[in-house]
Amino acid sequence: MRTLLLLPALIASVIDVAAQDRCASHTLTQRHLQDQGLPTDIGAALGKLPRGVVKGGGNLTIPVVVHVVWNTSAENVPDATVQAMVATMNADFQGTNPDLNSVRPAFTGVRGIPGISFCLATVDPNGNPTTGITRTQTSDTWFDPDTETNDMKAPPTGKSPWDPDSYLNIWICDISSGLGGGLITTGYAYLPVGGVVGSNIDGLVIDCVFGVGAGSRTASHETGHYLGLQHPWGTNGGCVDDDGFADTPFTDGPTFPCTPTNQTSCGVLTQYENFMDYADCSCMFTLEQSAAMTGILTGVRSSLLSSTGCGTVPQGPCIPSSAVGTADGDFIDGVVLNTLVNTGTGATGGPSYTFYSSLTTELMLGQTYDLEITSGDYEPDHYAAWIDHDQNGVFGADEKLGEFVSSAPYQIQTIGFTVPLNALPGATIMRVRGVYHNTGEPTPTDPCYSYTWGETEDYTVTIDVSTGMDRNSDDAMQVVALPEGWMVTGGPADTFDRYELMDATGRLIGAGAFRDVGLIPGQGLPPGILVLRLFGRGTSRAMRLPRVG
């Protein structure tokens, strides 16, 4: 764990910080070992770990998921900050960081390149596409590193890790604001001993203010711990303990300044450039440190290298999971849309996900429909629906049909929607979800999030262009193109009393009153596909208009 010493008057100003660090990663790891009833000699424990060997060179890639756990909007760090942090980690572990050339001549011969890369995950543990970033709002105003060391790593105040054997989990949150001066924690990580590897506490914790941003090496330092590196002074320092590497000189404790350049400790030149020290000019790992980290990665942490977390993004929509699912009555008991009828199918203890591939219906471009959803036995639950109109396998915000909250068991509510004119024709997926929003879980309902309670159902719907848009002569109703517009006559035309004109994107470009024999003005309209919608007497009709002659 890295910490900064801040005077109370300087708390609000990062640039006024006079860095005075200490790290408690050893303390936290020793506490964990003690809690497990194990010896607290970290060096000895590291020496017993299985290690692998890198064969044939090449790069070793670790999938990364970053969990942003925030209380105020200022703590909800943007994607760009997360991406920059990972980019810095890549540069530091691949030896492409520009300041590597600033290493003093005495240590240039021991500069090491671990050859490890980090990628924000593209595939989540359920096989669904992801950005590699999750966001969870917490009720905690901050997390005390000493007494709430792991509270950000699980509900109700945090986010549970993704499979620690397949992802490096990094939590970014506030671990500093409540200290009120003194030592400010910037980040920490357990070393891979005492059963930490693969456990729910495995990973990095980074402060959302002092541990990220331009020039911060906190993530690189803590990843060193994650991969088995101690500080150069070992557990106790004092020119007695060290980290076990011959190319990191003895030092009695952490180094803070980068001057003078000839400073010594324990009678030898100080290697303040080392990432595992505290100087703000740290810029290197050594050859032995690099070999040790790759040994840990190909040994006790080798499952990371076979992870599919950075694999090819799967095709098709995400498939959410649920820890409790329908066990407490959070289910969908009915879905009705047009000719699709699926009622009385919900049950306590039923599946949390079902694809009803044989239940389908046709929807027409520009037509308005009512989706009827029957809630389950528990209330209040959130019910929402989406249709993948562009057929890209992702339920976008503009593809959401609507959402409601149940207030009684087995309650029937309706979501009204219009099929947009730019929806692609053909078969696509409609998703219906009935979920409970636990503390810290996304609201409004997310189409892919794995809520603790609830059910998800998918259906196939077909967007039909020819049936819905080209019915110009159905029921003897005729549409004739004229130089000044369109004439609509005959059949059920007298059942309509108003019209709307829309372009292919669904944008309204004209409207007016309609009569049995009506002229729809067509002058000054944009080129391209135009759709006429007629309304009246509880019914509607949509049709594509022929070009104006």
Protein backbone atom coordinates (compact mmCIF):
# COMPACT_ATOMS: atom_id res chain seq x y z
CA MET A 1 0.00 0.00 0.00
CA ARG A 2 1.34 3.42 -0.96
CA THR A 3 0.52 6.51 1.07
CA LEU A 4 1.25 10.22 0.92
CA LEU A 5 1.81 12.53 3.86
CA LEU A 6 -0.42 15.60 3.53
CA LEU A 7 -0.55 18.53 5.86
CA PRO A 8 -4.18 19.35 6.77
CA ALA A 9 -4.03 22.72 5.01
CA LEU A 10 -2.99 21.00 1.80
CA ILE A 11 -5.65 18.31 1.61
CA ALA A 12 -7.62 20.08 -1.13
CA SER A 13 -4.67 20.68 -3.40
CA VAL A 14 -2.98 17.74 -5.07
CA ILE A 15 -0.20 19.83 -6.56
CA ASP A 16 0.78 21.09 -3.12
CA VAL A 17 1.44 17.58 -1.84
CA ALA A 18 4.92 16.99 -0.46
CA ALA A 19 5.32 13.26 -1.08
CA GLN A 20 6.23 11.34 2.06
CA ASP A 21 5.30 7.73 1.47
CA ARG A 22 5.08 4.53 3.38
CA CYS A 23 3.62 1.26 2.17
CA ALA A 24 1.54 -1.18 4.18
CA SER A 25 1.29 -3.98 1.61
CA HIS A 26 3.57 -6.05 3.81
CA THR A 27 1.44 -5.23 6.85
CA LEU A 28 -1.78 -6.18 5.10
CA THR A 29 -0.27 -9.38 3.72
CA GLN A 30 1.18 -10.33 7.11
CA ARG A 31 -2.22 -9.67 8.70
CA HIS A 32 -3.81 -11.99 6.15
CA LEU A 33 -1.21 -14.70 6.80
CA GLN A 34 -1.79 -14.39 10.53
CA ASP A 35 -5.56 -14.63 10.04
CA GLN A 36 -4.99 -17.88 8.13
CA GLY A 37 -2.88 -19.26 10.97
CA LEU A 38 0.25 -19.20 8.77
CA PRO A 39 3.81 -17.96 9.41
CA THR A 40 4.14 -14.26 8.61
CA ASP A 41 7.55 -14.43 6.88
CA ILE A 42 6.57 -13.09 3.44
CA GLY A 43 9.94 -13.78 1.85
CA ALA A 44 9.79 -17.42 2.91
CA ALA A 45 6.20 -17.72 1.68
CA LEU A 46 7.14 -16.26 -1.71
CA GLY A 47 9.99 -18.72 -1.98
CA LYS A 48 7.57 -21.64 -1.80
CA LEU A 49 5.36 -20.47 -4.67
CA PRO A 50 5.31 -22.51 -7.90
CA ARG A 51 6.99 -20.61 -10.72
CA GLY A 52 7.00 -21.13 -14.45
CA VAL A 53 9.40 -20.40 -17.26
CA VAL A 54 8.78 -18.25 -20.32
CA LYS A 55 9.54 -20.32 -23.40
CA GLY A 56 10.40 -18.85 -26.77
CA GLY A 57 10.06 -15.23 -25.74
CA GLY A 58 6.86 -13.42 -26.64
CA ASN A 59 4.53 -11.27 -24.59
CA LEU A 60 2.41 -12.33 -21.63
CA THR A 61 -1.03 -10.72 -21.51
CA ILE A 62 -3.17 -10.18 -18.42
CA PRO A 63 -6.87 -9.30 -18.88
CA VAL A 64 -7.84 -6.39 -16.63
CA VAL A 65 -11.22 -5.33 -15.28
CA VAL A 66 -11.48 -2.00 -13.48
CA HIS A 67 -14.30 -1.55 -10.96
CA VAL A 68 -15.03 2.13 -10.32
CA VAL A 69 -16.78 2.29 -6.93
CA TRP A 70 -18.00 5.83 -6.35
CA ASN A 71 -20.07 7.85 -3.91
CA THR A 72 -19.95 11.32 -5.46
CA SER A 73 -19.77 12.12 -9.17
CA ALA A 74 -16.22 13.44 -8.73
CA GLU A 75 -15.14 9.92 -7.70
CA ASN A 76 -16.68 8.35 -10.82
CA VAL A 77 -13.47 8.64 -12.84
CA PRO A 78 -13.99 8.72 -16.62
CA ASP A 79 -13.10 5.92 -19.02
CA ALA A 80 -10.22 8.01 -20.37
CA THR A 81 -8.53 8.06 -16.95
CA VAL A 82 -8.85 4.29 -16.63
CA GLN A 83 -7.50 3.77 -20.14
CA ALA A 84 -4.55 6.07 -19.44
CA MET A 85 -3.73 4.11 -16.29
CA VAL A 86 -3.65 0.84 -18.22
CA ALA A 87 -1.55 2.47 -20.95
CA THR A 88 1.01 3.54 -18.30
CA MET A 89 1.11 0.00 -16.93
CA ASN A 90 1.78 -1.33 -20.43
CA ALA A 91 4.60 1.13 -21.02
CA ASP A 92 6.22 0.37 -17.65
CA PHE A 93 6.03 -3.42 -18.03
CA GLN A 94 7.12 -3.44 -21.68
CA GLY A 95 10.02 -1.01 -21.28
CA THR A 96 8.57 1.65 -23.58
CA ASN A 97 8.24 4.36 -20.92
CA PRO A 98 10.33 7.34 -22.10
CA ASP A 99 11.82 8.01 -18.65
CA LEU A 100 13.53 4.59 -18.71
CA ASN A 101 16.36 6.41 -20.49
CA SER A 102 16.87 8.61 -17.43
CA VAL A 103 18.29 5.74 -15.35
CA ARG A 104 21.76 6.62 -14.07
CA PRO A 105 24.73 4.78 -15.65
CA ALA A 106 25.31 2.70 -12.51
CA PHE A 107 22.01 0.87 -13.10
CA THR A 108 21.50 0.84 -16.87
CA GLY A 109 23.01 -2.63 -17.05
CA VAL A 110 20.36 -4.13 -14.76
CA ARG A 111 17.30 -2.54 -16.35
CA GLY A 112 14.79 -5.29 -16.99
CA ILE A 113 11.78 -5.56 -19.28
CA PRO A 114 9.14 -7.92 -17.85
CA GLY A 115 7.45 -8.32 -21.23
CA ILE A 116 3.98 -8.27 -19.67
CA SER A 117 1.05 -6.49 -21.27
CA PHE A 118 -2.37 -5.57 -19.90
CA CYS A 119 -5.60 -5.30 -21.82
CA LEU A 120 -8.95 -4.00 -20.64
CA ALA A 121 -11.20 -7.03 -20.94
CA THR A 122 -13.36 -7.33 -24.06
CA VAL A 123 -15.28 -10.39 -22.84
CA ASP A 124 -16.87 -10.67 -19.39
CA PRO A 125 -17.11 -13.88 -17.29
CA ASN A 126 -20.46 -14.71 -18.92
CA GLY A 127 -18.98 -14.51 -22.42
CA ASN A 128 -20.60 -11.16 -23.17
CA PRO A 129 -18.94 -8.08 -24.72
CA THR A 130 -17.57 -5.57 -22.22
CA THR A 131 -15.51 -2.39 -22.02
CA GLY A 132 -13.54 -3.86 -19.11
CA ILE A 133 -14.90 -1.13 -16.81
CA THR A 134 -17.73 -1.52 -14.29
CA ARG A 135 -19.32 1.27 -12.27
CA THR A 136 -20.98 0.86 -8.87
CA GLN A 137 -22.35 3.64 -6.71
CA THR A 138 -21.75 3.09 -3.02
CA SER A 139 -23.29 4.49 0.15
CA ASP A 140 -19.84 4.65 1.77
CA THR A 141 -18.34 8.13 1.64
CA TRP A 142 -14.85 6.59 1.69
CA PHE A 143 -13.08 3.33 2.55
CA ASP A 144 -10.57 3.31 5.41
CA PRO A 145 -7.64 1.16 4.19
CA ASP A 146 -6.96 -0.13 7.70
CA THR A 147 -10.49 -1.00 8.86
CA GLU A 148 -12.38 -1.32 5.55
CA THR A 149 -9.56 -2.88 3.55
CA ASN A 150 -11.80 -5.05 1.37
CA ASP A 151 -15.25 -3.44 1.70
CA MET A 152 -15.14 -2.09 -1.85
CA LYS A 153 -14.76 -5.67 -3.15
CA ALA A 154 -18.27 -6.93 -2.39
CA PRO A 155 -21.89 -5.76 -1.93
CA PRO A 156 -23.52 -3.99 -0.27
CA THR A 157 -20.87 -1.26 -0.40
CA GLY A 158 -18.76 -2.45 -3.32
CA LYS A 159 -18.44 -4.57 -6.43
CA SER A 160 -17.63 -8.28 -6.37
CA PRO A 161 -14.58 -9.29 -8.41
CA TRP A 162 -14.75 -11.01 -11.74
CA ASP A 163 -13.13 -14.45 -11.66
CA PRO A 164 -9.73 -13.60 -10.09
CA ASP A 165 -8.15 -16.58 -11.87
CA SER A 166 -9.06 -15.03 -15.23
CA TYR A 167 -8.84 -11.27 -14.60
CA LEU A 168 -6.67 -8.81 -12.72
CA ASN A 169 -9.32 -6.95 -10.73
CA ILE A 170 -8.58 -3.29 -9.97
CA TRP A 171 -10.88 -1.27 -7.73
CA ILE A 172 -10.71 2.52 -8.05
CA CYS A 173 -12.39 4.30 -5.14
CA ASP A 174 -11.89 6.86 -2.39
CA ILE A 175 -9.43 5.52 0.19
CA SER A 176 -8.03 8.87 1.29
CA SER A 177 -10.54 11.67 1.88
CA GLY A 178 -11.54 10.68 5.41
CA LEU A 179 -8.05 10.72 6.88
CA GLY A 180 -8.01 14.48 7.43
CA GLY A 181 -4.27 14.86 6.98
CA GLY A 182 -1.26 12.72 7.71
CA LEU A 183 -0.59 9.64 5.62
CA ILE A 184 -2.79 9.44 2.54
CA THR A 185 -3.16 6.03 0.94
CA THR A 186 -2.79 5.94 -2.84
CA GLY A 187 -3.15 2.19 -3.38
CA TYR A 188 -2.44 -1.30 -2.08
CA ALA A 189 -2.37 -4.97 -3.06
CA TYR A 190 -1.82 -8.30 -1.34
CA LEU A 191 1.22 -10.33 -2.30
CA PRO A 192 0.34 -13.74 -3.82
CA VAL A 193 0.74 -15.83 -0.68
CA GLY A 194 -1.48 -17.40 1.96
CA GLY A 195 -4.27 -18.38 -0.42
CA VAL A 196 -4.79 -14.85 -1.78
CA VAL A 197 -4.47 -15.98 -5.41
CA GLY A 198 -7.92 -16.56 -6.86
CA SER A 199 -9.71 -15.34 -3.73
CA ASN A 200 -12.30 -12.56 -3.58
CA ILE A 201 -9.74 -10.13 -2.11
CA ASP A 202 -7.18 -10.68 -4.88
CA GLY A 203 -6.32 -7.57 -6.90
CA LEU A 204 -5.38 -3.90 -6.65
CA VAL A 205 -7.06 -1.00 -4.87
CA ILE A 206 -6.26 2.47 -6.24
CA ASP A 207 -7.31 5.83 -4.82
CA CYS A 208 -9.57 7.78 -7.19
CA VAL A 209 -7.65 11.03 -6.65
CA PHE A 210 -4.05 10.39 -5.62
CA GLY A 211 -3.60 7.01 -7.34
CA VAL A 212 -4.60 7.98 -10.88
CA GLY A 213 -3.90 10.80 -13.28
CA ALA A 214 -0.93 12.07 -15.22
CA GLY A 215 2.39 10.75 -13.97
CA SER A 216 0.95 8.32 -11.44
CA ARG A 217 2.79 4.98 -11.19
CA THR A 218 0.61 3.61 -8.37
CA ALA A 219 -0.89 0.85 -10.52
CA SER A 220 2.56 -0.24 -11.74
CA HIS A 221 3.88 -0.35 -8.17
CA GLU A 222 0.89 -2.31 -6.85
CA THR A 223 0.99 -4.72 -9.79
CA GLY A 224 4.57 -5.46 -8.76
CA HIS A 225 3.21 -6.61 -5.39
CA TYR A 226 0.45 -8.58 -7.15
CA LEU A 227 3.19 -10.40 -9.08
CA GLY A 228 5.27 -11.15 -6.00
CA LEU A 229 7.69 -8.21 -5.59
CA GLN A 230 8.57 -6.83 -2.18
CA HIS A 231 9.98 -3.40 -1.54
CA PRO A 232 13.77 -3.20 -1.93
CA TRP A 233 14.16 -3.00 1.88
CA GLY A 234 12.09 -6.15 2.48
CA THR A 235 9.90 -6.34 5.57
CA ASN A 236 11.95 -4.52 8.18
CA GLY A 237 14.67 -2.68 6.26
CA GLY A 238 17.47 -1.28 8.42
CA CYS A 239 20.15 -2.68 6.07
CA VAL A 240 19.27 -6.15 7.37
CA ASP A 241 16.27 -7.27 5.31
CA ASP A 242 16.03 -6.93 1.54
CA ASP A 243 13.84 -8.19 -1.32
CA GLY A 244 16.04 -11.17 -2.20
CA PHE A 245 17.41 -9.72 -5.46
CA ALA A 246 21.10 -9.10 -6.05
CA ASP A 247 20.48 -6.28 -8.56
CA THR A 248 18.43 -4.14 -6.12
CA PRO A 249 20.94 -2.64 -3.66
CA PHE A 250 20.44 -2.85 0.09
CA THR A 251 18.57 0.13 1.52
CA ASP A 252 17.49 0.88 5.05
CA GLY A 253 14.03 2.05 3.97
CA PRO A 254 12.08 3.94 1.32
CA THR A 255 13.67 6.68 -0.75
CA PHE A 256 11.68 9.86 -1.37
CA PRO A 257 13.81 12.45 -3.17
CA CYS A 258 15.61 11.95 -6.47
CA THR A 259 18.43 14.23 -5.39
CA PRO A 260 21.27 14.25 -4.82
CA THR A 261 22.00 11.75 -7.56
CA ASN A 262 24.86 10.27 -5.55
CA GLN A 263 22.85 9.59 -2.39
CA THR A 264 23.65 6.33 -0.61
CA SER A 265 22.02 3.96 1.84
CA CYS A 266 23.61 1.05 3.68
CA GLY A 267 26.92 2.22 2.17
CA VAL A 268 25.84 1.75 -1.48
CA LEU A 269 24.32 3.96 -4.16
CA THR A 270 20.55 4.25 -3.77
CA GLN A 271 18.49 2.82 -6.64
CA TYR A 272 15.67 5.35 -6.36
CA GLU A 273 14.64 4.67 -9.97
CA ASN A 274 13.07 1.36 -8.94
CA PHE A 275 9.28 1.12 -9.31
CA MET A 276 9.09 -0.67 -5.96
CA ASP A 277 10.59 2.30 -4.13
CA TYR A 278 8.70 5.57 -3.46
CA ALA A 279 10.61 8.28 -5.30
CA ASP A 280 8.55 10.23 -7.82
CA CYS A 281 11.19 9.52 -10.47
CA SER A 282 10.78 5.74 -10.36
CA CYS A 283 10.97 4.33 -13.87
CA MET A 284 12.41 0.78 -13.92
CA PHE A 285 12.26 -2.82 -12.82
CA THR A 286 15.51 -4.78 -12.64
CA LEU A 287 16.41 -7.95 -14.52
CA GLU A 288 15.84 -10.14 -11.47
CA GLN A 289 12.58 -8.43 -10.57
CA SER A 290 11.35 -8.93 -14.14
CA ALA A 291 12.25 -12.61 -14.09
CA ALA A 292 10.54 -13.06 -10.72
CA MET A 293 7.29 -11.49 -11.96
CA THR A 294 7.17 -13.60 -15.12
CA GLY A 295 7.89 -16.64 -12.97
CA ILE A 296 4.88 -15.86 -10.77
CA LEU A 297 2.70 -15.12 -13.81
CA THR A 298 3.62 -18.38 -15.54
CA GLY A 299 3.44 -20.26 -12.24
CA VAL A 300 0.92 -19.61 -9.49
CA ARG A 301 -0.94 -17.06 -11.64
CA SER A 302 -0.73 -18.99 -14.92
CA SER A 303 -4.53 -19.25 -15.26
CA LEU A 304 -4.51 -15.57 -16.28
CA LEU A 305 -2.64 -16.53 -19.45
CA SER A 306 -5.38 -18.91 -20.60
CA SER A 307 -8.16 -16.47 -19.87
CA THR A 308 -10.56 -15.56 -22.69
CA GLY A 309 -11.07 -12.10 -21.16
CA CYS A 310 -9.24 -10.41 -24.02
CA GLY A 311 -10.54 -12.73 -26.70
CA THR A 312 -12.71 -12.11 -29.71
CA VAL A 313 -15.87 -10.22 -28.84
CA PRO A 314 -18.72 -12.75 -29.08
CA GLN A 315 -21.49 -12.30 -31.63
CA GLY A 316 -25.05 -11.90 -30.51
CA PRO A 317 -26.55 -10.23 -27.46
CA CYS A 318 -25.17 -10.56 -23.94
CA ILE A 319 -26.60 -13.27 -21.69
CA PRO A 320 -26.89 -12.06 -18.09
CA SER A 321 -26.50 -14.34 -15.11
CA SER A 322 -28.07 -13.94 -11.66
CA ALA A 323 -26.73 -15.07 -8.28
CA VAL A 324 -30.19 -15.68 -6.75
CA GLY A 325 -32.34 -15.46 -9.87
CA THR A 326 -36.02 -16.27 -9.35
CA ALA A 327 -35.61 -18.03 -6.00
CA ASP A 328 -37.44 -15.26 -4.12
CA GLY A 329 -40.23 -14.70 -6.64
CA ASP A 330 -38.50 -12.16 -8.91
CA PHE A 331 -39.66 -13.49 -12.29
CA ILE A 332 -41.64 -12.68 -15.44
CA ASP A 333 -45.02 -14.40 -15.56
CA GLY A 334 -46.18 -13.26 -18.97
CA VAL A 335 -45.24 -11.50 -22.20
CA VAL A 336 -47.76 -10.60 -24.90
CA LEU A 337 -46.89 -8.71 -28.09
CA ASN A 338 -49.04 -8.79 -31.20
CA THR A 339 -49.40 -12.52 -32.00
CA LEU A 340 -46.71 -13.56 -29.50
CA VAL A 341 -48.39 -14.89 -26.34
CA ASN A 342 -46.35 -16.40 -23.50
CA THR A 343 -48.28 -16.30 -20.22
CA GLY A 344 -48.24 -18.21 -16.95
CA THR A 345 -44.63 -19.34 -17.51
CA GLY A 346 -42.97 -17.76 -14.48
CA ALA A 347 -42.17 -19.62 -11.29
CA THR A 348 -40.21 -19.23 -8.10
CA GLY A 349 -37.01 -21.21 -8.61
CA GLY A 350 -37.35 -21.19 -12.38
CA PRO A 351 -34.48 -20.35 -14.77
CA SER A 352 -33.01 -16.87 -14.62
CA TYR A 353 -32.54 -16.80 -18.42
CA THR A 354 -34.64 -18.32 -21.20
CA PHE A 355 -34.52 -17.86 -24.97
CA TYR A 356 -37.99 -18.60 -26.33
CA SER A 357 -36.75 -19.15 -29.87
CA SER A 358 -40.00 -20.77 -31.05
CA LEU A 359 -42.19 -17.87 -29.91
CA THR A 360 -42.13 -15.05 -32.44
CA THR A 361 -44.18 -12.35 -34.09
CA GLU A 362 -43.95 -9.92 -37.00
CA LEU A 363 -43.69 -6.17 -36.44
CA MET A 364 -44.15 -3.53 -39.13
CA LEU A 365 -42.01 -0.46 -39.63
CA GLY A 366 -43.70 2.66 -38.33
CA GLN A 367 -46.44 0.75 -36.52
CA THR A 368 -47.27 1.31 -32.85
CA TYR A 369 -47.60 -1.68 -30.52
CA ASP A 370 -48.35 -2.45 -26.89
CA LEU A 371 -46.05 -4.88 -25.07
CA GLU A 372 -47.89 -6.46 -22.13
CA ILE A 373 -45.75 -7.79 -19.27
CA THR A 374 -47.02 -9.69 -16.21
CA SER A 375 -44.83 -9.35 -13.12
CA GLY A 376 -43.84 -12.11 -10.72
CA ASP A 377 -44.63 -12.82 -7.08
CA TYR A 378 -42.24 -10.27 -5.57
CA GLU A 379 -42.67 -6.50 -5.65
CA PRO A 380 -41.34 -3.94 -6.27
CA ASP A 381 -39.36 -5.21 -9.25
CA HIS A 382 -38.26 -3.35 -12.39
CA TYR A 383 -39.49 -4.55 -15.78
CA ALA A 384 -37.93 -3.32 -19.01
CA ALA A 385 -37.71 -4.34 -22.67
CA TRP A 386 -35.50 -3.74 -25.71
CA ILE A 387 -35.48 -4.67 -29.40
CA ASP A 388 -32.16 -4.89 -31.25
CA HIS A 389 -33.38 -2.80 -34.20
CA ASP A 390 -29.98 -2.52 -35.92
CA GLN A 391 -29.23 -6.22 -35.36
CA ASN A 392 -25.70 -5.57 -34.05
CA GLY A 393 -26.04 -7.80 -30.98
CA VAL A 394 -26.09 -4.83 -28.58
CA PHE A 395 -29.16 -3.33 -26.92
CA GLY A 396 -28.54 0.41 -27.27
CA ALA A 397 -30.18 3.12 -25.21
CA ASP A 398 -32.27 4.16 -28.22
CA GLU A 399 -33.52 0.57 -28.58
CA LYS A 400 -35.17 0.49 -25.15
CA LEU A 401 -38.95 0.18 -25.39
CA GLY A 402 -39.66 1.32 -21.84
CA GLU A 403 -39.60 0.40 -18.15
CA PHE A 404 -41.99 0.21 -15.19
CA VAL A 405 -41.91 -0.82 -11.53
CA SER A 406 -44.37 -3.38 -10.22
CA SER A 407 -46.45 -2.49 -7.15
CA ALA A 408 -48.32 -5.79 -6.68
CA PRO A 409 -47.74 -9.49 -7.43
CA TYR A 410 -48.77 -10.71 -10.89
CA GLN A 411 -49.45 -7.19 -12.06
CA ILE A 412 -50.04 -6.58 -15.78
CA GLN A 413 -48.59 -3.37 -17.20
CA THR A 414 -48.14 -2.15 -20.76
CA ILE A 415 -45.21 -0.55 -22.58
CA GLY A 416 -46.19 1.24 -25.77
CA PHE A 417 -43.66 1.72 -28.57
CA THR A 418 -43.31 2.43 -32.28
CA VAL A 419 -41.02 0.44 -34.55
CA PRO A 420 -38.57 3.02 -35.94
CA LEU A 421 -38.44 3.44 -39.68
CA ASN A 422 -34.70 2.83 -39.77
CA ALA A 423 -34.99 -0.61 -38.13
CA LEU A 424 -33.36 -3.29 -40.25
CA PRO A 425 -35.75 -5.79 -41.82
CA GLY A 426 -35.54 -9.41 -40.78
CA ALA A 427 -35.32 -11.43 -37.58
CA THR A 428 -33.87 -9.85 -34.44
CA ILE A 429 -34.03 -10.20 -30.65
CA MET A 430 -36.46 -8.67 -28.17
CA ARG A 431 -35.29 -8.78 -24.55
CA VAL A 432 -37.58 -8.56 -21.51
CA ARG A 433 -36.13 -8.29 -17.99
CA GLY A 434 -37.75 -8.40 -14.56
CA VAL A 435 -35.16 -7.63 -11.86
CA TYR A 436 -34.75 -6.24 -8.38
CA HIS A 437 -32.31 -3.34 -8.02
CA ASN A 438 -30.10 -4.18 -5.07
CA THR A 439 -27.96 -1.47 -3.44
CA GLY A 440 -25.16 -0.49 -5.81
CA GLU A 441 -26.71 -2.14 -8.86
CA PRO A 442 -27.50 -0.10 -12.00
CA THR A 443 -30.73 1.85 -12.28
CA PRO A 444 -32.57 2.27 -14.62
CA THR A 445 -32.41 -1.35 -15.66
CA ASP A 446 -29.38 -2.31 -17.74
CA PRO A 447 -29.93 -4.85 -20.56
CA CYS A 448 -26.81 -6.89 -19.70
CA TYR A 449 -25.99 -6.39 -16.00
CA SER A 450 -26.07 -9.54 -13.85
CA TYR A 451 -28.52 -8.45 -11.16
CA THR A 452 -28.62 -10.52 -7.98
CA TRP A 453 -32.36 -11.19 -8.30
CA GLY A 454 -34.49 -11.54 -11.41
CA GLU A 455 -35.19 -13.13 -14.77
CA THR A 456 -34.35 -12.37 -18.40
CA GLU A 457 -36.29 -13.61 -21.43
CA ASP A 458 -35.37 -13.28 -25.10
CA TYR A 459 -37.71 -13.64 -28.08
CA THR A 460 -37.34 -13.49 -31.85
CA VAL A 461 -39.29 -10.76 -33.61
CA THR A 462 -39.27 -10.14 -37.35
CA ILE A 463 -39.30 -6.62 -38.73
CA ASP A 464 -41.45 -6.86 -41.84
CA VAL A 465 -41.05 -4.15 -44.47
CA SER A 466 -43.17 -5.55 -47.27
CA THR A 467 -46.14 -6.28 -45.02
CA GLY A 468 -46.04 -3.09 -43.03
CA MET A 469 -44.89 -0.47 -45.48
CA ASP A 470 -46.09 -1.43 -48.96
CA ARG A 471 -49.76 -1.97 -48.29
CA ASN A 472 -50.71 0.75 -50.76
CA SER A 473 -53.57 -1.26 -52.27
CA ASP A 474 -54.74 -3.32 -49.27
CA ASP A 475 -58.48 -3.22 -48.67
CA ALA A 476 -58.92 -1.20 -51.87
CA MET A 477 -57.14 1.81 -50.35
CA GLN A 478 -55.15 3.50 -53.09
CA VAL A 479 -52.14 5.86 -52.94
CA VAL A 480 -51.48 7.82 -56.12
CA ALA A 481 -48.38 9.98 -56.59
CA LEU A 482 -49.09 13.46 -58.01
CA PRO A 483 -46.73 16.36 -58.76
CA GLU A 484 -47.95 18.20 -55.66
CA GLY A 485 -48.10 15.22 -53.31
CA TRP A 486 -50.15 12.03 -52.81
CA MET A 487 -53.83 11.22 -53.09
CA VAL A 488 -55.19 8.55 -50.72
CA THR A 489 -58.64 7.16 -51.53
CA GLY A 490 -60.96 4.20 -51.15
CA GLY A 491 -61.40 1.27 -48.78
CA PRO A 492 -60.96 2.05 -45.09
CA ALA A 493 -59.50 5.50 -45.74
CA ASP A 494 -62.59 7.05 -44.17
CA THR A 495 -61.65 5.53 -40.81
CA PHE A 496 -58.67 7.88 -40.45
CA ASP A 497 -58.77 11.54 -39.45
CA ARG A 498 -55.11 12.63 -39.24
CA TYR A 499 -51.75 11.79 -40.77
CA GLU A 500 -48.02 12.08 -40.07
CA LEU A 501 -45.11 12.01 -42.50
CA MET A 502 -41.72 10.67 -41.39
CA ASP A 503 -38.36 10.19 -43.03
CA ALA A 504 -36.34 6.97 -42.85
CA THR A 505 -34.85 7.89 -39.46
CA GLY A 506 -38.30 8.27 -37.90
CA ARG A 507 -38.12 12.08 -37.82
CA LEU A 508 -41.51 13.77 -38.11
CA ILE A 509 -41.48 16.06 -41.16
CA GLY A 510 -45.18 16.75 -41.69
CA ALA A 511 -48.63 16.30 -40.15
CA GLY A 512 -52.22 17.35 -40.72
CA ALA A 513 -55.92 16.45 -40.93
CA PHE A 514 -56.99 13.59 -43.18
CA ARG A 515 -60.27 12.90 -45.01
CA ASP A 516 -61.67 10.05 -47.10
CA VAL A 517 -60.34 11.65 -50.29
CA GLY A 518 -57.28 13.48 -49.05
CA LEU A 519 -54.30 15.18 -50.59
CA ILE A 520 -51.06 14.78 -48.65
CA PRO A 521 -48.81 17.75 -49.57
CA GLY A 522 -45.42 16.67 -50.88
CA GLN A 523 -43.69 19.89 -51.82
CA GLY A 524 -40.42 20.84 -50.08
CA LEU A 525 -39.92 17.44 -48.46
CA PRO A 526 -36.44 15.85 -48.26
CA PRO A 527 -35.49 13.14 -50.76
CA GLY A 528 -35.38 9.46 -49.83
CA ILE A 529 -37.82 7.04 -48.25
CA LEU A 530 -40.95 8.65 -46.82
CA VAL A 531 -43.54 6.92 -44.66
CA LEU A 532 -47.16 7.91 -44.18
CA ARG A 533 -48.89 7.07 -40.91
CA LEU A 534 -52.69 7.37 -40.66
CA PHE A 535 -54.55 7.51 -37.33
CA GLY A 536 -58.18 7.35 -36.28
CA ARG A 537 -60.91 5.40 -34.47
CA GLY A 538 -58.49 3.34 -32.37
CA THR A 539 -56.44 2.12 -35.31
CA SER A 540 -53.43 3.14 -37.34
CA ARG A 541 -51.84 2.30 -40.66
CA ALA A 542 -48.31 2.84 -41.97
CA MET A 543 -47.18 2.69 -45.58
CA ARG A 544 -44.21 3.67 -47.68
CA LEU A 545 -45.07 6.40 -50.16
CA PRO A 546 -44.21 6.22 -53.87
CA ARG A 547 -42.06 8.99 -55.29
CA VAL A 548 -43.86 12.19 -56.15
CA GLY A 549 -44.41 12.37 -59.92
